[in-house]
């Protein structure tokens, strides 16, 4: 059995209040506690929802891709095509020079 003098438990001696007043006080405390628990549940639920959203990498990546304007995609495609063309040109020149016989000086 718990010690009635613990800090988290109120001490009720019953000499200053009627039984009806004590019941009303218990009900009020109980309602306050319920409200506190409900608010805490809402806070925890919101936190869990936010963390789940942060950890859902695939959906975040898709959302960021949807946020890119079409003009940026066109520019990126042009840059990719230019880079690919440059790589092809450099490789073909290197391959062509490797096939040529070297001149003697």
N, C-alpha and C. Protein backbone atom coordinates (compact mmCIF):
# COMPACT_ATOMS: atom_id res chain seq x y z
N UNK A 1 0.85 -1.17 0.00
CA UNK A 1 0.00 0.00 0.00
C UNK A 1 0.89 1.23 0.00
N UNK A 2 0.49 2.25 -0.74
CA UNK A 2 1.29 3.46 -0.89
C UNK A 2 1.19 4.33 0.36
N UNK A 3 2.27 5.02 0.62
CA UNK A 3 2.32 5.94 1.75
C UNK A 3 1.47 7.16 1.43
N UNK A 4 0.50 7.55 2.28
CA UNK A 4 -0.36 8.70 1.99
C UNK A 4 0.39 10.02 2.01
N UNK A 5 1.63 10.02 2.47
CA UNK A 5 2.39 11.27 2.54
C UNK A 5 3.27 11.50 1.30
N UNK A 6 3.13 10.67 0.27
CA UNK A 6 3.91 10.86 -0.96
C UNK A 6 3.54 12.20 -1.59
N UNK A 7 4.50 12.80 -2.28
CA UNK A 7 4.31 14.13 -2.86
C UNK A 7 3.24 14.16 -3.95
N UNK A 8 3.11 13.11 -4.71
CA UNK A 8 2.18 13.14 -5.84
C UNK A 8 0.74 12.76 -5.45
N UNK A 9 0.52 12.46 -4.21
CA UNK A 9 -0.83 12.10 -3.77
C UNK A 9 -1.32 13.12 -2.75
N UNK A 10 -2.51 13.66 -2.96
CA UNK A 10 -3.03 14.64 -1.99
C UNK A 10 -3.45 13.95 -0.70
N UNK A 11 -3.31 14.67 0.37
CA UNK A 11 -3.73 14.16 1.67
C UNK A 11 -5.13 14.73 1.94
N UNK A 12 -6.08 13.85 2.18
CA UNK A 12 -7.46 14.28 2.45
C UNK A 12 -7.83 13.77 3.84
N UNK A 13 -8.04 14.72 4.72
CA UNK A 13 -8.41 14.29 6.07
C UNK A 13 -9.92 14.32 6.29
N UNK A 14 -10.67 15.02 5.44
CA UNK A 14 -12.12 15.02 5.52
C UNK A 14 -12.71 15.90 6.59
N UNK A 15 -11.90 16.63 7.35
CA UNK A 15 -12.44 17.46 8.42
C UNK A 15 -12.84 18.84 7.92
N UNK A 16 -12.34 19.28 6.81
CA UNK A 16 -12.64 20.63 6.32
C UNK A 16 -13.69 20.66 5.22
N UNK A 17 -14.08 19.50 4.71
CA UNK A 17 -15.04 19.48 3.60
C UNK A 17 -16.08 18.39 3.84
N UNK A 18 -17.24 18.61 3.25
CA UNK A 18 -18.29 17.60 3.34
C UNK A 18 -18.01 16.52 2.31
N UNK A 19 -18.66 15.38 2.45
CA UNK A 19 -18.46 14.32 1.46
C UNK A 19 -18.81 14.77 0.04
N UNK A 20 -19.85 15.60 -0.10
CA UNK A 20 -20.23 16.08 -1.42
C UNK A 20 -19.12 16.98 -2.00
N UNK A 21 -18.54 17.82 -1.16
CA UNK A 21 -17.45 18.69 -1.63
C UNK A 21 -16.22 17.86 -2.01
N UNK A 22 -15.95 16.83 -1.23
CA UNK A 22 -14.83 15.96 -1.56
C UNK A 22 -15.05 15.23 -2.89
N UNK A 23 -16.28 14.73 -3.11
CA UNK A 23 -16.60 14.07 -4.38
C UNK A 23 -16.48 15.03 -5.55
N UNK A 24 -16.94 16.27 -5.35
CA UNK A 24 -16.84 17.27 -6.42
C UNK A 24 -15.37 17.58 -6.72
N UNK A 25 -14.55 17.65 -5.68
CA UNK A 25 -13.11 17.91 -5.87
C UNK A 25 -12.44 16.76 -6.62
N UNK A 26 -12.79 15.54 -6.25
CA UNK A 26 -12.23 14.37 -6.93
C UNK A 26 -12.66 14.37 -8.40
N UNK A 27 -13.93 14.67 -8.65
CA UNK A 27 -14.43 14.72 -10.03
C UNK A 27 -13.72 15.80 -10.83
N UNK A 28 -13.51 16.96 -10.20
CA UNK A 28 -12.83 18.06 -10.89
C UNK A 28 -11.39 17.66 -11.22
N UNK A 29 -10.71 17.08 -10.24
CA UNK A 29 -9.34 16.64 -10.47
C UNK A 29 -9.29 15.56 -11.55
N UNK A 30 -10.27 14.66 -11.50
CA UNK A 30 -10.31 13.60 -12.50
C UNK A 30 -10.54 14.18 -13.88
N UNK A 31 -11.45 15.15 -14.00
CA UNK A 31 -11.73 15.78 -15.31
C UNK A 31 -10.51 16.55 -15.81
N UNK A 32 -9.83 17.26 -14.89
CA UNK A 32 -8.61 17.97 -15.28
C UNK A 32 -7.57 16.98 -15.79
N UNK A 33 -7.45 15.88 -15.10
CA UNK A 33 -6.47 14.86 -15.50
C UNK A 33 -6.83 14.26 -16.86
N UNK A 34 -8.12 13.99 -17.07
CA UNK A 34 -8.55 13.47 -18.38
C UNK A 34 -8.23 14.45 -19.49
N UNK A 35 -8.50 15.72 -19.23
CA UNK A 35 -8.21 16.74 -20.23
C UNK A 35 -6.71 16.82 -20.51
N UNK A 36 -5.93 16.73 -19.47
CA UNK A 36 -4.47 16.76 -19.63
C UNK A 36 -3.99 15.56 -20.45
N UNK A 37 -4.55 14.39 -20.17
CA UNK A 37 -4.18 13.18 -20.92
C UNK A 37 -4.60 13.30 -22.38
N UNK A 38 -5.80 13.83 -22.64
CA UNK A 38 -6.26 14.02 -24.02
C UNK A 38 -5.35 14.98 -24.78
N UNK A 39 -4.94 16.07 -24.14
CA UNK A 39 -4.04 17.01 -24.79
C UNK A 39 -2.69 16.37 -25.07
N UNK A 40 -2.22 15.58 -24.12
CA UNK A 40 -0.95 14.88 -24.30
C UNK A 40 -1.04 13.89 -25.46
N UNK A 41 -2.16 13.17 -25.55
CA UNK A 41 -2.36 12.23 -26.67
C UNK A 41 -2.35 12.97 -28.01
N UNK A 42 -3.02 14.12 -28.05
CA UNK A 42 -3.03 14.91 -29.29
C UNK A 42 -1.62 15.36 -29.67
N UNK A 43 -0.86 15.81 -28.67
CA UNK A 43 0.52 16.25 -28.93
C UNK A 43 1.38 15.09 -29.43
N UNK A 44 1.25 13.95 -28.78
CA UNK A 44 2.04 12.78 -29.19
C UNK A 44 1.63 12.33 -30.59
N UNK A 45 0.33 12.34 -30.86
CA UNK A 45 -0.14 11.97 -32.20
C UNK A 45 0.41 12.89 -33.27
N UNK A 46 0.42 14.18 -33.00
CA UNK A 46 0.96 15.14 -33.98
C UNK A 46 2.45 14.92 -34.17
N UNK A 47 3.16 14.63 -33.09
CA UNK A 47 4.60 14.39 -33.19
C UNK A 47 4.89 13.13 -34.00
N UNK A 48 4.14 12.07 -33.73
CA UNK A 48 4.34 10.82 -34.47
C UNK A 48 4.03 11.04 -35.94
N UNK A 49 2.97 11.77 -36.25
CA UNK A 49 2.61 12.05 -37.65
C UNK A 49 3.73 12.84 -38.34
N UNK A 50 4.27 13.83 -37.66
CA UNK A 50 5.35 14.62 -38.24
C UNK A 50 6.60 13.77 -38.46
N UNK A 51 6.95 12.94 -37.50
CA UNK A 51 8.13 12.08 -37.65
C UNK A 51 7.93 11.07 -38.77
N UNK A 52 6.74 10.53 -38.89
CA UNK A 52 6.47 9.59 -39.98
C UNK A 52 6.62 10.28 -41.33
N UNK A 53 6.17 11.52 -41.41
CA UNK A 53 6.34 12.26 -42.65
C UNK A 53 7.80 12.54 -42.98
N UNK A 54 8.59 12.82 -41.95
CA UNK A 54 10.01 13.09 -42.17
C UNK A 54 10.76 11.82 -42.58
N UNK A 55 10.32 10.68 -42.09
CA UNK A 55 11.01 9.43 -42.39
C UNK A 55 10.54 8.78 -43.69
N UNK A 56 9.48 9.29 -44.29
CA UNK A 56 8.96 8.74 -45.54
C UNK A 56 9.70 9.39 -46.71
N UNK A 57 10.91 8.90 -46.97
CA UNK A 57 11.79 9.51 -47.98
C UNK A 57 11.21 9.41 -49.39
N UNK A 58 10.65 8.28 -49.82
CA UNK A 58 10.14 8.21 -51.19
C UNK A 58 9.05 9.25 -51.49
N UNK A 59 8.12 9.43 -50.57
CA UNK A 59 7.05 10.40 -50.84
C UNK A 59 7.59 11.83 -50.79
N UNK A 60 8.59 12.10 -49.93
CA UNK A 60 9.20 13.44 -49.90
C UNK A 60 9.93 13.72 -51.19
N UNK A 61 10.63 12.71 -51.73
CA UNK A 61 11.35 12.89 -52.99
C UNK A 61 10.37 13.15 -54.14
N UNK A 62 9.28 12.42 -54.17
CA UNK A 62 8.26 12.64 -55.21
C UNK A 62 7.66 14.04 -55.11
N UNK A 63 7.42 14.49 -53.88
CA UNK A 63 6.85 15.83 -53.70
C UNK A 63 7.83 16.89 -54.18
N UNK A 64 9.11 16.71 -53.91
CA UNK A 64 10.11 17.68 -54.38
C UNK A 64 10.21 17.67 -55.90
N UNK A 65 10.09 16.50 -56.51
CA UNK A 65 10.14 16.43 -57.97
C UNK A 65 8.93 17.12 -58.59
N UNK A 66 7.77 16.96 -57.94
CA UNK A 66 6.57 17.63 -58.46
C UNK A 66 6.67 19.15 -58.33
N UNK A 67 7.48 19.61 -57.39
CA UNK A 67 7.61 21.06 -57.17
C UNK A 67 8.54 21.72 -58.18
N UNK A 68 9.32 20.94 -58.93
CA UNK A 68 10.25 21.51 -59.91
C UNK A 68 9.44 21.97 -61.13
N UNK A 69 9.63 23.24 -61.56
CA UNK A 69 8.88 23.73 -62.72
C UNK A 69 9.33 23.04 -64.01
N UNK A 70 8.45 22.92 -65.00
CA UNK A 70 8.78 22.24 -66.26
C UNK A 70 9.96 22.88 -66.98
N UNK A 71 10.14 24.18 -66.87
CA UNK A 71 11.26 24.85 -67.54
C UNK A 71 12.59 24.34 -66.99
N UNK A 72 12.63 24.04 -65.71
CA UNK A 72 13.85 23.52 -65.11
C UNK A 72 14.16 22.13 -65.65
N UNK A 73 13.11 21.32 -65.89
CA UNK A 73 13.33 19.99 -66.47
C UNK A 73 13.91 20.12 -67.87
N UNK A 74 13.41 21.08 -68.63
CA UNK A 74 13.91 21.28 -69.99
C UNK A 74 15.38 21.69 -69.94
N UNK A 75 15.73 22.59 -69.04
CA UNK A 75 17.12 23.00 -68.91
C UNK A 75 18.00 21.86 -68.46
N UNK A 76 17.51 21.05 -67.55
CA UNK A 76 18.28 19.91 -67.06
C UNK A 76 18.47 18.88 -68.17
N UNK A 77 17.43 18.69 -68.98
CA UNK A 77 17.54 17.73 -70.09
C UNK A 77 18.55 18.23 -71.12
N UNK A 78 18.53 19.52 -71.38
CA UNK A 78 19.50 20.09 -72.32
C UNK A 78 20.92 19.96 -71.80
N UNK A 79 21.11 20.21 -70.53
CA UNK A 79 22.45 20.09 -69.93
C UNK A 79 22.91 18.64 -69.97
N UNK A 80 22.02 17.71 -69.69
CA UNK A 80 22.38 16.29 -69.73
C UNK A 80 22.74 15.87 -71.15
N UNK A 81 21.97 16.35 -72.13
CA UNK A 81 22.27 16.02 -73.51
C UNK A 81 23.62 16.62 -73.92
N UNK A 82 23.89 17.83 -73.50
CA UNK A 82 25.17 18.47 -73.81
C UNK A 82 26.33 17.72 -73.18
N UNK A 83 26.19 17.32 -71.95
CA UNK A 83 27.25 16.57 -71.26
C UNK A 83 27.47 15.22 -71.92
N UNK A 84 26.39 14.56 -72.31
CA UNK A 84 26.51 13.27 -72.99
C UNK A 84 27.23 13.44 -74.32
N UNK A 85 26.85 14.49 -75.06
CA UNK A 85 27.52 14.76 -76.34
C UNK A 85 29.00 15.03 -76.16
N UNK A 86 29.36 15.77 -75.14
CA UNK A 86 30.77 16.08 -74.88
C UNK A 86 31.54 14.81 -74.54
N UNK A 87 30.96 13.94 -73.74
CA UNK A 87 31.62 12.68 -73.39
C UNK A 87 31.81 11.82 -74.63
N UNK A 88 30.78 11.73 -75.47
CA UNK A 88 30.89 10.94 -76.71
C UNK A 88 31.97 11.51 -77.61
N UNK A 89 32.02 12.83 -77.77
CA UNK A 89 33.02 13.46 -78.60
C UNK A 89 34.43 13.19 -78.08
N UNK A 90 34.65 13.36 -76.79
CA UNK A 90 35.98 13.13 -76.22
C UNK A 90 36.41 11.67 -76.34
N UNK A 91 35.49 10.75 -76.13
CA UNK A 91 35.83 9.33 -76.26
C UNK A 91 36.14 8.97 -77.70
N UNK A 92 35.37 9.51 -78.63
CA UNK A 92 35.63 9.18 -80.04
C UNK A 92 36.98 9.74 -80.47
N UNK A 93 37.34 10.93 -80.01
CA UNK A 93 38.65 11.49 -80.36
C UNK A 93 39.77 10.66 -79.75
N UNK A 94 39.56 10.24 -78.51
CA UNK A 94 40.59 9.44 -77.85
C UNK A 94 40.74 8.09 -78.55
N UNK A 95 39.61 7.48 -78.91
CA UNK A 95 39.67 6.19 -79.59
C UNK A 95 40.31 6.33 -80.97
N UNK A 96 40.02 7.43 -81.66
CA UNK A 96 40.59 7.65 -82.98
C UNK A 96 42.09 7.85 -82.89
N UNK A 97 42.56 8.57 -81.88
CA UNK A 97 44.00 8.79 -81.75
C UNK A 97 44.70 7.50 -81.33
N UNK A 98 44.04 6.64 -80.63
CA UNK A 98 44.65 5.37 -80.22
C UNK A 98 44.80 4.44 -81.41
N UNK A 99 43.92 4.55 -82.41
CA UNK A 99 43.99 3.68 -83.58
C UNK A 99 45.03 4.13 -84.59
N UNK A 100 45.33 5.43 -84.63
CA UNK A 100 46.32 5.98 -85.56
C UNK A 100 47.71 5.53 -85.18
N UNK A 101 48.51 5.19 -86.15
CA UNK A 101 49.91 4.86 -85.82
C UNK A 101 50.65 6.12 -85.41
N UNK A 102 51.51 5.98 -84.46
CA UNK A 102 52.27 7.14 -83.98
C UNK A 102 53.39 7.44 -84.96
N UNK A 103 53.62 8.72 -85.16
CA UNK A 103 54.70 9.18 -86.05
C UNK A 103 56.01 9.12 -85.29
N UNK A 104 57.01 8.82 -86.05
CA UNK A 104 58.36 8.87 -85.48
C UNK A 104 58.94 10.21 -85.75
N UNK A 105 59.64 10.73 -84.85
CA UNK A 105 60.25 12.05 -85.05
C UNK A 105 61.67 11.95 -85.42
